[in-house]
Amino acid sequence: QVQLVESGGGLVQAGGSLRLSCAASGRTFSSAFMGWFRQAPGKAREFVSAIRWSGGDTYYIDSVKGRFTMSRDYAKNTGYLQMNSLKPEDTAVYYCAAANSYSPIVGTWDYWGQGTQVTVSS
């Protein structure tokens, strides 16, 4: 079993930055991919970004390309989402997830964190 704990959310003005962290624990993190998803009020949860844990390949939804960067610290079993040039439409609860294969489809991810709130004011 893998536990994922997110941190780093908060309130920021438009144009600002936040860095989210996702710490994996429970057993040696062996999932092949870590991902970030978000869910805004009244909307479905959507894929944001993912990283191949061993190789570092990254994937992004179009709306965050050039603004968000995903990385990981292999030794610390921790993934990061650096979010720059934040917009009010980025406001959502952000969830970390892990899976053995990559897909932007929510239902294909095996493990989930509890979520962290990101609020971007205009």
PDB file of N, CA and C in Angstrom:
ATOM      1  N   GLN A   1       0.841  -1.182   0.000  1.00  0.00           N
ATOM      2  CA  GLN A   1       0.000   0.000   0.000  1.00  0.00           C
ATOM      3  C   GLN A   1       0.885   1.244   0.000  1.00  0.00           C
ATOM      4  N   VAL A   2       0.481   2.226  -0.761  1.00  0.00           N
ATOM      5  CA  VAL A   2       1.215   3.486  -0.869  1.00  0.00           C
ATOM      6  C   VAL A   2       0.357   4.601  -0.284  1.00  0.00           C
ATOM      7  N   GLN A   3       0.960   5.415   0.541  1.00  0.00           N
ATOM      8  CA  GLN A   3       0.276   6.602   1.041  1.00  0.00           C
ATOM      9  C   GLN A   3       0.900   7.838   0.388  1.00  0.00           C
ATOM     10  N   LEU A   4       0.046   8.760   0.009  1.00  0.00           N
ATOM     11  CA  LEU A   4       0.494   9.994  -0.622  1.00  0.00           C
ATOM     12  C   LEU A   4      -0.012  11.173   0.197  1.00  0.00           C
ATOM     13  N   VAL A   5       0.884  12.087   0.526  1.00  0.00           N
ATOM     14  CA  VAL A   5       0.508  13.249   1.320  1.00  0.00           C
ATOM     15  C   VAL A   5       0.949  14.509   0.589  1.00  0.00           C
ATOM     16  N   GLU A   6      -0.029  15.348   0.253  1.00  0.00           N
ATOM     17  CA  GLU A   6       0.266  16.600  -0.435  1.00  0.00           C
ATOM     18  C   GLU A   6       0.476  17.734   0.570  1.00  0.00           C
ATOM     19  N   SER A   7       1.227  18.706   0.168  1.00  0.00           N
ATOM     20  CA  SER A   7       1.402  19.925   0.951  1.00  0.00           C
ATOM     21  C   SER A   7       1.771  21.055   0.007  1.00  0.00           C
ATOM     22  N   GLY A   8       1.682  22.279   0.520  1.00  0.00           N
ATOM     23  CA  GLY A   8       2.129  23.432  -0.256  1.00  0.00           C
ATOM     24  C   GLY A   8       1.035  24.285  -0.848  1.00  0.00           C
ATOM     25  N   GLY A   9      -0.218  23.891  -0.679  1.00  0.00           N
ATOM     26  CA  GLY A   9      -1.300  24.713  -1.202  1.00  0.00           C
ATOM     27  C   GLY A   9      -1.454  26.000  -0.410  1.00  0.00           C
ATOM     28  N   GLY A  10      -2.298  26.891  -0.909  1.00  0.00           N
ATOM     29  CA  GLY A  10      -2.527  28.147  -0.210  1.00  0.00           C
ATOM     30  C   GLY A  10      -3.224  29.154  -1.082  1.00  0.00           C
ATOM     31  N   LEU A  11      -3.214  30.392  -0.604  1.00  0.00           N
ATOM     32  CA  LEU A  11      -3.834  31.508  -1.314  1.00  0.00           C
ATOM     33  C   LEU A  11      -2.739  32.381  -1.921  1.00  0.00           C
ATOM     34  N   VAL A  12      -2.888  32.692  -3.202  1.00  0.00           N
ATOM     35  CA  VAL A  12      -1.882  33.491  -3.889  1.00  0.00           C
ATOM     36  C   VAL A  12      -2.592  34.404  -4.875  1.00  0.00           C
ATOM     37  N   GLN A  13      -1.993  35.546  -5.153  1.00  0.00           N
ATOM     38  CA  GLN A  13      -2.569  36.463  -6.141  1.00  0.00           C
ATOM     39  C   GLN A  13      -2.244  35.980  -7.553  1.00  0.00           C
ATOM     40  N   ALA A  14      -3.056  36.378  -8.480  1.00  0.00           N
ATOM     41  CA  ALA A  14      -2.810  36.049  -9.883  1.00  0.00           C
ATOM     42  C   ALA A  14      -1.416  36.518 -10.284  1.00  0.00           C
ATOM     43  N   GLY A  15      -0.720  35.657 -11.014  1.00  0.00           N
ATOM     44  CA  GLY A  15       0.653  35.944 -11.403  1.00  0.00           C
ATOM     45  C   GLY A  15       1.685  35.396 -10.443  1.00  0.00           C
ATOM     46  N   GLY A  16       1.239  34.948  -9.287  1.00  0.00           N
ATOM     47  CA  GLY A  16       2.142  34.420  -8.281  1.00  0.00           C
ATOM     48  C   GLY A  16       2.495  32.967  -8.512  1.00  0.00           C
ATOM     49  N   SER A  17       3.220  32.393  -7.548  1.00  0.00           N
ATOM     50  CA  SER A  17       3.727  31.030  -7.665  1.00  0.00           C
ATOM     51  C   SER A  17       3.462  30.249  -6.386  1.00  0.00           C
ATOM     52  N   LEU A  18       3.330  28.953  -6.547  1.00  0.00           N
ATOM     53  CA  LEU A  18       3.257  28.006  -5.436  1.00  0.00           C
ATOM     54  C   LEU A  18       3.989  26.751  -5.851  1.00  0.00           C
ATOM     55  N   ARG A  19       4.510  26.026  -4.869  1.00  0.00           N
ATOM     56  CA  ARG A  19       5.089  24.714  -5.142  1.00  0.00           C
ATOM     57  C   ARG A  19       4.395  23.685  -4.267  1.00  0.00           C
ATOM     58  N   LEU A  20       3.778  22.715  -4.929  1.00  0.00           N
ATOM     59  CA  LEU A  20       3.135  21.608  -4.234  1.00  0.00           C
ATOM     60  C   LEU A  20       4.124  20.450  -4.090  1.00  0.00           C
ATOM     61  N   SER A  21       4.009  19.750  -2.975  1.00  0.00           N
ATOM     62  CA  SER A  21       4.822  18.558  -2.741  1.00  0.00           C
ATOM     63  C   SER A  21       3.916  17.363  -2.514  1.00  0.00           C
ATOM     64  N   CYS A  22       4.398  16.196  -2.904  1.00  0.00           N
ATOM     65  CA  CYS A  22       3.675  14.944  -2.681  1.00  0.00           C
ATOM     66  C   CYS A  22       4.673  13.922  -2.160  1.00  0.00           C
ATOM     67  N   ALA A  23       4.547  13.585  -0.892  1.00  0.00           N
ATOM     68  CA  ALA A  23       5.436  12.619  -0.272  1.00  0.00           C
ATOM     69  C   ALA A  23       4.795  11.239  -0.292  1.00  0.00           C
ATOM     70  N   ALA A  24       5.518  10.271  -0.835  1.00  0.00           N
ATOM     71  CA  ALA A  24       5.028   8.896  -0.911  1.00  0.00           C
ATOM     72  C   ALA A  24       5.639   8.074   0.213  1.00  0.00           C
ATOM     73  N   SER A  25       4.827   7.276   0.878  1.00  0.00           N
ATOM     74  CA  SER A  25       5.326   6.429   1.968  1.00  0.00           C
ATOM     75  C   SER A  25       4.486   5.161   2.053  1.00  0.00           C
ATOM     76  N   GLY A  26       4.833   4.296   2.993  1.00  0.00           N
ATOM     77  CA  GLY A  26       4.096   3.055   3.210  1.00  0.00           C
ATOM     78  C   GLY A  26       4.932   1.860   2.833  1.00  0.00           C
ATOM     79  N   ARG A  27       5.494   1.884   1.687  1.00  0.00           N
ATOM     80  CA  ARG A  27       6.478   0.914   1.256  1.00  0.00           C
ATOM     81  C   ARG A  27       7.317   1.622   0.215  1.00  0.00           C
ATOM     82  N   THR A  28       8.383   1.041  -0.173  1.00  0.00           N
ATOM     83  CA  THR A  28       9.222   1.687  -1.174  1.00  0.00           C
ATOM     84  C   THR A  28       8.372   2.047  -2.378  1.00  0.00           C
ATOM     85  N   PHE A  29       8.396   3.301  -2.730  1.00  0.00           N
ATOM     86  CA  PHE A  29       7.541   3.770  -3.803  1.00  0.00           C
ATOM     87  C   PHE A  29       7.972   3.138  -5.105  1.00  0.00           C
ATOM     88  N   SER A  30       7.144   2.246  -5.614  1.00  0.00           N
ATOM     89  CA  SER A  30       7.531   1.514  -6.813  1.00  0.00           C
ATOM     90  C   SER A  30       6.601   1.791  -7.987  1.00  0.00           C
ATOM     91  N   SER A  31       5.620   2.652  -7.773  1.00  0.00           N
ATOM     92  CA  SER A  31       4.739   2.996  -8.880  1.00  0.00           C
ATOM     93  C   SER A  31       5.550   3.666  -9.979  1.00  0.00           C
ATOM     94  N   ALA A  32       5.176   3.432 -11.226  1.00  0.00           N
ATOM     95  CA  ALA A  32       5.959   3.950 -12.336  1.00  0.00           C
ATOM     96  C   ALA A  32       5.716   5.430 -12.595  1.00  0.00           C
ATOM     97  N   PHE A  33       4.535   5.931 -12.192  1.00  0.00           N
ATOM     98  CA  PHE A  33       4.187   7.308 -12.488  1.00  0.00           C
ATOM     99  C   PHE A  33       3.581   7.985 -11.260  1.00  0.00           C
ATOM    100  N   MET A  34       3.892   9.247 -11.101  1.00  0.00           N
ATOM    101  CA  MET A  34       3.203  10.101 -10.145  1.00  0.00           C
ATOM    102  C   MET A  34       2.515  11.207 -10.939  1.00  0.00           C
ATOM    103  N   GLY A  35       1.318  11.543 -10.518  1.00  0.00           N
ATOM    104  CA  GLY A  35       0.573  12.555 -11.251  1.00  0.00           C
ATOM    105  C   GLY A  35      -0.068  13.573 -10.337  1.00  0.00           C
ATOM    106  N   TRP A  36      -0.460  14.684 -10.948  1.00  0.00           N
ATOM    107  CA  TRP A  36      -1.238  15.711 -10.258  1.00  0.00           C
ATOM    108  C   TRP A  36      -2.545  15.909 -11.011  1.00  0.00           C
ATOM    109  N   PHE A  37      -3.608  15.970 -10.251  1.00  0.00           N
ATOM    110  CA  PHE A  37      -4.926  16.238 -10.781  1.00  0.00           C
ATOM    111  C   PHE A  37      -5.511  17.405  -9.995  1.00  0.00           C
ATOM    112  N   ARG A  38      -6.569  18.013 -10.517  1.00  0.00           N
ATOM    113  CA  ARG A  38      -7.227  19.081  -9.774  1.00  0.00           C
ATOM    114  C   ARG A  38      -8.734  19.022  -9.996  1.00  0.00           C
ATOM    115  N   GLN A  39      -9.439  19.537  -9.007  1.00  0.00           N
ATOM    116  CA  GLN A  39     -10.894  19.560  -9.092  1.00  0.00           C
ATOM    117  C   GLN A  39     -11.396  20.902  -8.579  1.00  0.00           C
ATOM    118  N   ALA A  40     -11.989  21.666  -9.474  1.00  0.00           N
ATOM    119  CA  ALA A  40     -12.583  22.949  -9.121  1.00  0.00           C
ATOM    120  C   ALA A  40     -14.026  22.721  -8.673  1.00  0.00           C
ATOM    121  N   PRO A  41     -14.592  23.640  -7.900  1.00  0.00           N
ATOM    122  CA  PRO A  41     -15.973  23.475  -7.428  1.00  0.00           C
ATOM    123  C   PRO A  41     -16.942  23.273  -8.587  1.00  0.00           C
ATOM    124  N   GLY A  42     -17.756  22.238  -8.489  1.00  0.00           N
ATOM    125  CA  GLY A  42     -18.753  21.974  -9.502  1.00  0.00           C
ATOM    126  C   GLY A  42     -18.232  21.358 -10.785  1.00  0.00           C
ATOM    127  N   LYS A  43     -16.942  21.022 -10.803  1.00  0.00           N
ATOM    128  CA  LYS A  43     -16.352  20.458 -12.011  1.00  0.00           C
ATOM    129  C   LYS A  43     -15.768  19.079 -11.730  1.00  0.00           C
ATOM    130  N   ALA A  44     -15.557  18.333 -12.793  1.00  0.00           N
ATOM    131  CA  ALA A  44     -14.953  17.015 -12.656  1.00  0.00           C
ATOM    132  C   ALA A  44     -13.454  17.149 -12.384  1.00  0.00           C
ATOM    133  N   ARG A  45     -12.915  16.126 -11.754  1.00  0.00           N
ATOM    134  CA  ARG A  45     -11.472  16.099 -11.528  1.00  0.00           C
ATOM    135  C   ARG A  45     -10.767  15.947 -12.872  1.00  0.00           C
ATOM    136  N   GLU A  46      -9.689  16.711 -13.070  1.00  0.00           N
ATOM    137  CA  GLU A  46      -8.983  16.665 -14.347  1.00  0.00           C
ATOM    138  C   GLU A  46      -7.484  16.456 -14.155  1.00  0.00           C
ATOM    139  N   PHE A  47      -6.891  15.833 -15.144  1.00  0.00           N
ATOM    140  CA  PHE A  47      -5.462  15.617 -15.173  1.00  0.00           C
ATOM    141  C   PHE A  47      -4.740  16.951 -15.349  1.00  0.00           C
ATOM    142  N   VAL A  48      -3.615  17.121 -14.642  1.00  0.00           N
ATOM    143  CA  VAL A  48      -2.784  18.317 -14.767  1.00  0.00           C
ATOM    144  C   VAL A  48      -1.398  17.955 -15.281  1.00  0.00           C
ATOM    145  N   SER A  49      -0.751  16.995 -14.623  1.00  0.00           N
ATOM    146  CA  SER A  49       0.637  16.689 -14.952  1.00  0.00           C
ATOM    147  C   SER A  49       0.990  15.311 -14.438  1.00  0.00           C
ATOM    148  N   ALA A  50       2.018  14.710 -15.042  1.00  0.00           N
ATOM    149  CA  ALA A  50       2.522  13.427 -14.568  1.00  0.00           C
ATOM    150  C   ALA A  50       4.002  13.324 -14.868  1.00  0.00           C
ATOM    151  N   ILE A  51       4.656  12.452 -14.112  1.00  0.00           N
ATOM    152  CA  ILE A  51       6.086  12.229 -14.326  1.00  0.00           C
ATOM    153  C   ILE A  51       6.378  10.738 -14.251  1.00  0.00           C
ATOM    154  N   ARG A  52       7.207  10.270 -15.145  1.00  0.00           N
ATOM    155  CA  ARG A  52       7.701   8.889 -15.077  1.00  0.00           C
ATOM    156  C   ARG A  52       8.753   8.840 -13.988  1.00  0.00           C
ATOM    157  N   TRP A  53       8.515   8.031 -12.981  1.00  0.00           N
ATOM    158  CA  TRP A  53       9.339   8.090 -11.778  1.00  0.00           C
ATOM    159  C   TRP A  53      10.796   7.760 -12.052  1.00  0.00           C
ATOM    160  N   SER A  54      11.072   6.796 -12.879  1.00  0.00           N
ATOM    161  CA  SER A  54      12.457   6.397 -13.101  1.00  0.00           C
ATOM    162  C   SER A  54      13.159   7.275 -14.124  1.00  0.00           C
ATOM    163  N   GLY A  55      12.489   7.669 -15.167  1.00  0.00           N
ATOM    164  CA  GLY A  55      13.156   8.408 -16.232  1.00  0.00           C
ATOM    165  C   GLY A  55      12.972   9.900 -16.197  1.00  0.00           C
ATOM    166  N   GLY A  56      11.929  10.362 -15.486  1.00  0.00           N
ATOM    167  CA  GLY A  56      11.700  11.794 -15.375  1.00  0.00           C
ATOM    168  C   GLY A  56      10.925  12.416 -16.514  1.00  0.00           C
ATOM    169  N   ASP A  57      10.451  11.617 -17.478  1.00  0.00           N
ATOM    170  CA  ASP A  57       9.607  12.168 -18.549  1.00  0.00           C
ATOM    171  C   ASP A  57       8.373  12.817 -17.931  1.00  0.00           C
ATOM    172  N   THR A  58       7.981  13.955 -18.484  1.00  0.00           N
ATOM    173  CA  THR A  58       6.840  14.676 -17.927  1.00  0.00           C
ATOM    174  C   THR A  58       5.741  14.877 -18.964  1.00  0.00           C
ATOM    175  N   TYR A  59       4.530  15.028 -18.467  1.00  0.00           N
ATOM    176  CA  TYR A  59       3.342  15.204 -19.292  1.00  0.00           C
ATOM    177  C   TYR A  59       2.509  16.319 -18.656  1.00  0.00           C
ATOM    178  N   TYR A  60       1.892  17.148 -19.508  1.00  0.00           N
ATOM    179  CA  TYR A  60       1.107  18.278 -18.996  1.00  0.00           C
ATOM    180  C   TYR A  60      -0.158  18.466 -19.808  1.00  0.00           C
ATOM    181  N   ILE A  61      -1.187  18.942 -19.124  1.00  0.00           N
ATOM    182  CA  ILE A  61      -2.359  19.400 -19.839  1.00  0.00           C
ATOM    183  C   ILE A  61      -1.991  20.719 -20.532  1.00  0.00           C
ATOM    184  N   ASP A  62      -2.612  20.994 -21.678  1.00  0.00           N
ATOM    185  CA  ASP A  62      -2.218  22.158 -22.478  1.00  0.00           C
ATOM    186  C   ASP A  62      -2.307  23.469 -21.704  1.00  0.00           C
ATOM    187  N   SER A  63      -3.295  23.595 -20.863  1.00  0.00           N
ATOM    188  CA  SER A  63      -3.531  24.879 -20.202  1.00  0.00           C
ATOM    189  C   SER A  63      -2.448  25.251 -19.180  1.00  0.00           C
ATOM    190  N   VAL A  64      -1.590  24.310 -18.806  1.00  0.00           N
ATOM    191  CA  VAL A  64      -0.530  24.618 -17.832  1.00  0.00           C
ATOM    192  C   VAL A  64       0.864  24.537 -18.442  1.00  0.00           C
ATOM    193  N   LYS A  65       0.967  24.137 -19.687  1.00  0.00           N
ATOM    194  CA  LYS A  65       2.282  24.041 -20.330  1.00  0.00           C
ATOM    195  C   LYS A  65       2.962  25.402 -20.339  1.00  0.00           C
ATOM    196  N   GLY A  66       4.230  25.415 -19.953  1.00  0.00           N
ATOM    197  CA  GLY A  66       4.982  26.662 -19.884  1.00  0.00           C
ATOM    198  C   GLY A  66       4.833  27.386 -18.559  1.00  0.00           C
ATOM    199  N   ARG A  67       3.868  26.981 -17.737  1.00  0.00           N
ATOM    200  CA  ARG A  67       3.661  27.626 -16.435  1.00  0.00           C
ATOM    201  C   ARG A  67       3.947  26.669 -15.282  1.00  0.00           C
ATOM    202  N   PHE A  68       3.596  25.404 -15.436  1.00  0.00           N
ATOM    203  CA  PHE A  68       3.784  24.398 -14.379  1.00  0.00           C
ATOM    204  C   PHE A  68       4.942  23.474 -14.759  1.00  0.00           C
ATOM    205  N   THR A  69       5.692  23.064 -13.756  1.00  0.00           N
ATOM    206  CA  THR A  69       6.783  22.121 -13.971  1.00  0.00           C
ATOM    207  C   THR A  69       6.731  21.056 -12.896  1.00  0.00           C
ATOM    208  N   MET A  70       6.717  19.808 -13.340  1.00  0.00           N
ATOM    209  CA  MET A  70       6.717  18.697 -12.396  1.00  0.00           C
ATOM    210  C   MET A  70       8.109  18.108 -12.300  1.00  0.00           C
ATOM    211  N   SER A  71       8.508  17.758 -11.081  1.00  0.00           N
ATOM    212  CA  SER A  71       9.816  17.146 -10.860  1.00  0.00           C
ATOM    213  C   SER A  71       9.696  16.147  -9.714  1.00  0.00           C
ATOM    214  N   ARG A  72      10.766  15.412  -9.464  1.00  0.00           N
ATOM    215  CA  ARG A  72      10.736  14.485  -8.336  1.00  0.00           C
ATOM    216  C   ARG A  72      12.127  14.349  -7.740  1.00  0.00           C
ATOM    217  N   ASP A  73      12.133  14.055  -6.438  1.00  0.00           N
ATOM    218  CA  ASP A  73      13.366  13.727  -5.737  1.00  0.00           C
ATOM    219  C   ASP A  73      13.308  12.236  -5.485  1.00  0.00           C
ATOM    220  N   TYR A  74      14.048  11.500  -6.280  1.00  0.00           N
ATOM    221  CA  TYR A  74      13.994  10.041  -6.241  1.00  0.00           C
ATOM    222  C   TYR A  74      14.335   9.508  -4.849  1.00  0.00           C
ATOM    223  N   ALA A  75      15.346  10.095  -4.223  1.00  0.00           N
ATOM    224  CA  ALA A  75      15.801   9.604  -2.921  1.00  0.00           C
ATOM    225  C   ALA A  75      14.785   9.870  -1.817  1.00  0.00           C
ATOM    226  N   LYS A  76      14.040  10.958  -1.940  1.00  0.00           N
ATOM    227  CA  LYS A  76      13.072  11.324  -0.899  1.00  0.00           C
ATOM    228  C   LYS A  76      11.678  10.794  -1.190  1.00  0.00           C
ATOM    229  N   ASN A  77      11.496  10.101  -2.310  1.00  0.00           N
ATOM    230  CA  ASN A  77      10.161   9.628  -2.698  1.00  0.00           C
ATOM    231  C   ASN A  77       9.142  10.769  -2.704  1.00  0.00           C
ATOM    232  N   THR A  78       9.564  11.898  -3.191  1.00  0.00           N
ATOM    233  CA  THR A  78       8.710  13.092  -3.183  1.00  0.00           C
ATOM    234  C   THR A  78       8.638  13.703  -4.571  1.00  0.00           C
ATOM    235  N   GLY A  79       7.438  14.022  -4.978  1.00  0.00           N
ATOM    236  CA  GLY A  79       7.220  14.711  -6.241  1.00  0.00           C
ATOM    237  C   GLY A  79       6.815  16.142  -5.981  1.00  0.00           C
ATOM    238  N   TYR A  80       7.054  17.014  -6.969  1.00  0.00           N
ATOM    239  CA  TYR A  80       6.783  18.431  -6.816  1.00  0.00           C
ATOM    240  C   TYR A  80       6.039  18.949  -8.045  1.00  0.00           C
ATOM    241  N   LEU A  81       5.223  19.961  -7.805  1.00  0.00           N
ATOM    242  CA  LEU A  81       4.590  20.673  -8.908  1.00  0.00           C
ATOM    243  C   LEU A  81       4.840  22.157  -8.680  1.00  0.00           C
ATOM    244  N   GLN A  82       5.755  22.707  -9.451  1.00  0.00           N
ATOM    245  CA  GLN A  82       6.031  24.146  -9.387  1.00  0.00           C
ATOM    246  C   GLN A  82       5.039  24.857 -10.294  1.00  0.00           C
ATOM    247  N   MET A  83       4.272  25.755  -9.713  1.00  0.00           N
ATOM    248  CA  MET A  83       3.225  26.452 -10.456  1.00  0.00           C
ATOM    249  C   MET A  83       3.551  27.931 -10.497  1.00  0.00           C
ATOM    250  N   ASN A  84       3.817  28.434 -11.678  1.00  0.00           N
ATOM    251  CA  ASN A  84       4.138  29.852 -11.881  1.00  0.00           C
ATOM    252  C   ASN A  84       3.046  30.522 -12.704  1.00  0.00           C
ATOM    253  N   SER A  85       3.038  31.837 -12.683  1.00  0.00           N
ATOM    254  CA  SER A  85       2.056  32.616 -13.456  1.00  0.00           C
ATOM    255  C   SER A  85       0.643  32.106 -13.221  1.00  0.00           C
ATOM    256  N   LEU A  86       0.311  31.915 -11.976  1.00  0.00           N
ATOM    257  CA  LEU A  86      -0.989  31.354 -11.639  1.00  0.00           C
ATOM    258  C   LEU A  86      -2.131  32.264 -12.044  1.00  0.00           C
ATOM    259  N   LYS A  87      -3.232  31.634 -12.432  1.00  0.00           N
ATOM    260  CA  LYS A  87      -4.429  32.340 -12.879  1.00  0.00           C
ATOM    261  C   LYS A  87      -5.605  31.951 -11.981  1.00  0.00           C
ATOM    262  N   PRO A  88      -6.617  32.809 -11.905  1.00  0.00           N
ATOM    263  CA  PRO A  88      -7.789  32.445 -11.089  1.00  0.00           C
ATOM    264  C   PRO A  88      -8.399  31.108 -11.504  1.00  0.00           C
ATOM    265  N   GLU A  89      -8.322  30.768 -12.760  1.00  0.00           N
ATOM    266  CA  GLU A  89      -8.894  29.500 -13.218  1.00  0.00           C
ATOM    267  C   GLU A  89      -8.077  28.288 -12.781  1.00  0.00           C
ATOM    268  N   ASP A  90      -6.920  28.507 -12.174  1.00  0.00           N
ATOM    269  CA  ASP A  90      -6.160  27.396 -11.591  1.00  0.00           C
ATOM    270  C   ASP A  90      -6.667  27.032 -10.194  1.00  0.00           C
ATOM    271  N   THR A  91      -7.594  27.817  -9.672  1.00  0.00           N
ATOM    272  CA  THR A  91      -8.141  27.544  -8.346  1.00  0.00           C
ATOM    273  C   THR A  91      -8.837  26.189  -8.324  1.00  0.00           C
ATOM    274  N   ALA A  92      -8.419  25.338  -7.385  1.00  0.00           N
ATOM    275  CA  ALA A  92      -8.961  23.988  -7.287  1.00  0.00           C
ATOM    276  C   ALA A  92      -8.322  23.278  -6.100  1.00  0.00           C
ATOM    277  N   VAL A  93      -8.862  22.122  -5.773  1.00  0.00           N
ATOM    278  CA  VAL A  93      -8.157  21.197  -4.886  1.00  0.00           C
ATOM    279  C   VAL A  93      -7.249  20.350  -5.768  1.00  0.00           C
ATOM    280  N   TYR A  94      -5.991  20.305  -5.414  1.00  0.00           N
ATOM    281  CA  TYR A  94      -4.997  19.557  -6.189  1.00  0.00           C
ATOM    282  C   TYR A  94      -4.701  18.240  -5.482  1.00  0.00           C
ATOM    283  N   TYR A  95      -4.770  17.156  -6.243  1.00  0.00           N
ATOM    284  CA  TYR A  95      -4.558  15.815  -5.720  1.00  0.00           C
ATOM    285  C   TYR A  95      -3.330  15.186  -6.361  1.00  0.00           C
ATOM    286  N   CYS A  96      -2.555  14.505  -5.543  1.00  0.00           N
ATOM    287  CA  CYS A  96      -1.447  13.693  -6.020  1.00  0.00           C
ATOM    288  C   CYS A  96      -1.944  12.266  -6.222  1.00  0.00           C
ATOM    289  N   ALA A  97      -1.417  11.577  -7.211  1.00  0.00           N
ATOM    290  CA  ALA A  97      -1.824  10.207  -7.490  1.00  0.00           C
ATOM    291  C   ALA A  97      -0.633   9.400  -7.982  1.00  0.00           C
ATOM    292  N   ALA A  98      -0.755   8.083  -7.892  1.00  0.00           N
ATOM    293  CA  ALA A  98       0.303   7.191  -8.361  1.00  0.00           C
ATOM    294  C   ALA A  98      -0.306   6.029  -9.118  1.00  0.00           C
ATOM    295  N   ALA A  99       0.422   5.558 -10.119  1.00  0.00           N
ATOM    296  CA  ALA A  99      -0.056   4.453 -10.939  1.00  0.00           C
ATOM    297  C   ALA A  99       1.125   3.771 -11.600  1.00  0.00           C
ATOM    298  N   ASN A 100       0.867   2.585 -12.120  1.00  0.00           N
ATOM    299  CA  ASN A 100       1.929   1.842 -12.798  1.00  0.00           C
ATOM    300  C   ASN A 100       1.979   2.103 -14.293  1.00  0.00           C
ATOM    301  N   SER A 101       1.014   2.844 -14.808  1.00  0.00           N
ATOM    302  CA  SER A 101       1.058   3.233 -16.203  1.00  0.00           C
ATOM    303  C   SER A 101       0.484   4.625 -16.334  1.00  0.00           C
ATOM    304  N   TYR A 102       0.859   5.297 -17.400  1.00  0.00           N
ATOM    305  CA  TYR A 102       0.405   6.683 -17.576  1.00  0.00           C
ATOM    306  C   TYR A 102      -0.893   6.736 -18.356  1.00  0.00           C
ATOM    307  N   SER A 103      -1.804   7.561 -17.849  1.00  0.00           N
ATOM    308  CA  SER A 103      -3.027   7.890 -18.560  1.00  0.00           C
ATOM    309  C   SER A 103      -3.584   9.163 -17.948  1.00  0.00           C
ATOM    310  N   PRO A 104      -4.171  10.045 -18.726  1.00  0.00           N
ATOM    311  CA  PRO A 104      -4.801  11.231 -18.149  1.00  0.00           C
ATOM    312  C   PRO A 104      -6.191  10.946 -17.575  1.00  0.00           C
ATOM    313  N   ILE A 105      -6.618   9.706 -17.641  1.00  0.00           N
ATOM    314  CA  ILE A 105      -7.946   9.341 -17.155  1.00  0.00           C
ATOM    315  C   ILE A 105      -7.902   9.096 -15.652  1.00  0.00           C
ATOM    316  N   VAL A 106      -8.766   9.787 -14.931  1.00  0.00           N
ATOM    317  CA  VAL A 106      -8.752   9.742 -13.470  1.00  0.00           C
ATOM    318  C   VAL A 106      -8.869   8.317 -12.934  1.00  0.00           C
ATOM    319  N   GLY A 107      -9.766   7.538 -13.487  1.00  0.00           N
ATOM    320  CA  GLY A 107     -10.060   6.218 -12.953  1.00  0.00           C
ATOM    321  C   GLY A 107      -8.960   5.191 -13.109  1.00  0.00           C
ATOM    322  N   THR A 108      -7.911   5.515 -13.838  1.00  0.00           N
ATOM    323  CA  THR A 108      -6.831   4.550 -14.057  1.00  0.00           C
ATOM    324  C   THR A 108      -5.723   4.663 -13.021  1.00  0.00           C
ATOM    325  N   TRP A 109      -5.798   5.653 -12.129  1.00  0.00           N
ATOM    326  CA  TRP A 109      -4.745   5.849 -11.131  1.00  0.00           C
ATOM    327  C   TRP A 109      -5.103   5.083  -9.865  1.00  0.00           C
ATOM    328  N   ASP A 110      -4.089   4.454  -9.246  1.00  0.00           N
ATOM    329  CA  ASP A 110      -4.328   3.497  -8.175  1.00  0.00           C
ATOM    330  C   ASP A 110      -4.375   4.114  -6.779  1.00  0.00           C
ATOM    331  N   TYR A 111      -3.553   5.093  -6.539  1.00  0.00           N
ATOM    332  CA  TYR A 111      -3.429   5.669  -5.200  1.00  0.00           C
ATOM    333  C   TYR A 111      -3.626   7.181  -5.275  1.00  0.00           C
ATOM    334  N   TRP A 112      -4.241   7.716  -4.221  1.00  0.00           N
ATOM    335  CA  TRP A 112      -4.568   9.140  -4.187  1.00  0.00           C
ATOM    336  C   TRP A 112      -4.233   9.736  -2.828  1.00  0.00           C
ATOM    337  N   GLY A 113      -3.812  10.999  -2.860  1.00  0.00           N
ATOM    338  CA  GLY A 113      -3.668  11.757  -1.631  1.00  0.00           C
ATOM    339  C   GLY A 113      -4.978  12.415  -1.248  1.00  0.00           C
ATOM    340  N   GLN A 114      -4.936  13.172  -0.158  1.00  0.00           N
ATOM    341  CA  GLN A 114      -6.166  13.767   0.368  1.00  0.00           C
ATOM    342  C   GLN A 114      -6.488  15.106  -0.281  1.00  0.00           C
ATOM    343  N   GLY A 115      -5.542  15.677  -0.987  1.00  0.00           N
ATOM    344  CA  GLY A 115      -5.754  16.936  -1.676  1.00  0.00           C
ATOM    345  C   GLY A 115      -5.281  18.140  -0.890  1.00  0.00           C
ATOM    346  N   THR A 116      -4.916  19.184  -1.623  1.00  0.00           N
ATOM    347  CA  THR A 116      -4.507  20.447  -1.019  1.00  0.00           C
ATOM    348  C   THR A 116      -5.137  21.587  -1.811  1.00  0.00           C
ATOM    349  N   GLN A 117      -5.674  22.562  -1.112  1.00  0.00           N
ATOM    350  CA  GLN A 117      -6.407  23.646  -1.761  1.00  0.00           C
ATOM    351  C   GLN A 117      -5.446  24.693  -2.312  1.00  0.00           C
ATOM    352  N   VAL A 118      -5.669  25.064  -3.557  1.00  0.00           N
ATOM    353  CA  VAL A 118      -4.959  26.185  -4.185  1.00  0.00           C
ATOM    354  C   VAL A 118      -6.005  27.214  -4.586  1.00  0.00           C
ATOM    355  N   THR A 119      -5.853  28.430  -4.099  1.00  0.00           N
ATOM    356  CA  THR A 119      -6.778  29.506  -4.428  1.00  0.00           C
ATOM    357  C   THR A 119      -5.990  30.672  -5.009  1.00  0.00           C
ATOM    358  N   VAL A 120      -6.379  31.094  -6.200  1.00  0.00           N
ATOM    359  CA  VAL A 120      -5.711  32.198  -6.887  1.00  0.00           C
ATOM    360  C   VAL A 120      -6.694  33.353  -6.983  1.00  0.00           C
ATOM    361  N   SER A 121      -6.359  34.447  -6.359  1.00  0.00           N
ATOM    362  CA  SER A 121      -7.243  35.612  -6.368  1.00  0.00           C
ATOM    363  C   SER A 121      -6.883  36.539  -7.524  1.00  0.00           C
ATOM    364  N   SER A 122      -7.916  37.208  -8.040  1.00  0.00           N
ATOM    365  CA  SER A 122      -7.681  38.107  -9.183  1.00  0.00           C
ATOM    366  C   SER A 122      -7.363  39.517  -8.728  1.00  0.00           C
TER     367      SER A 122
END
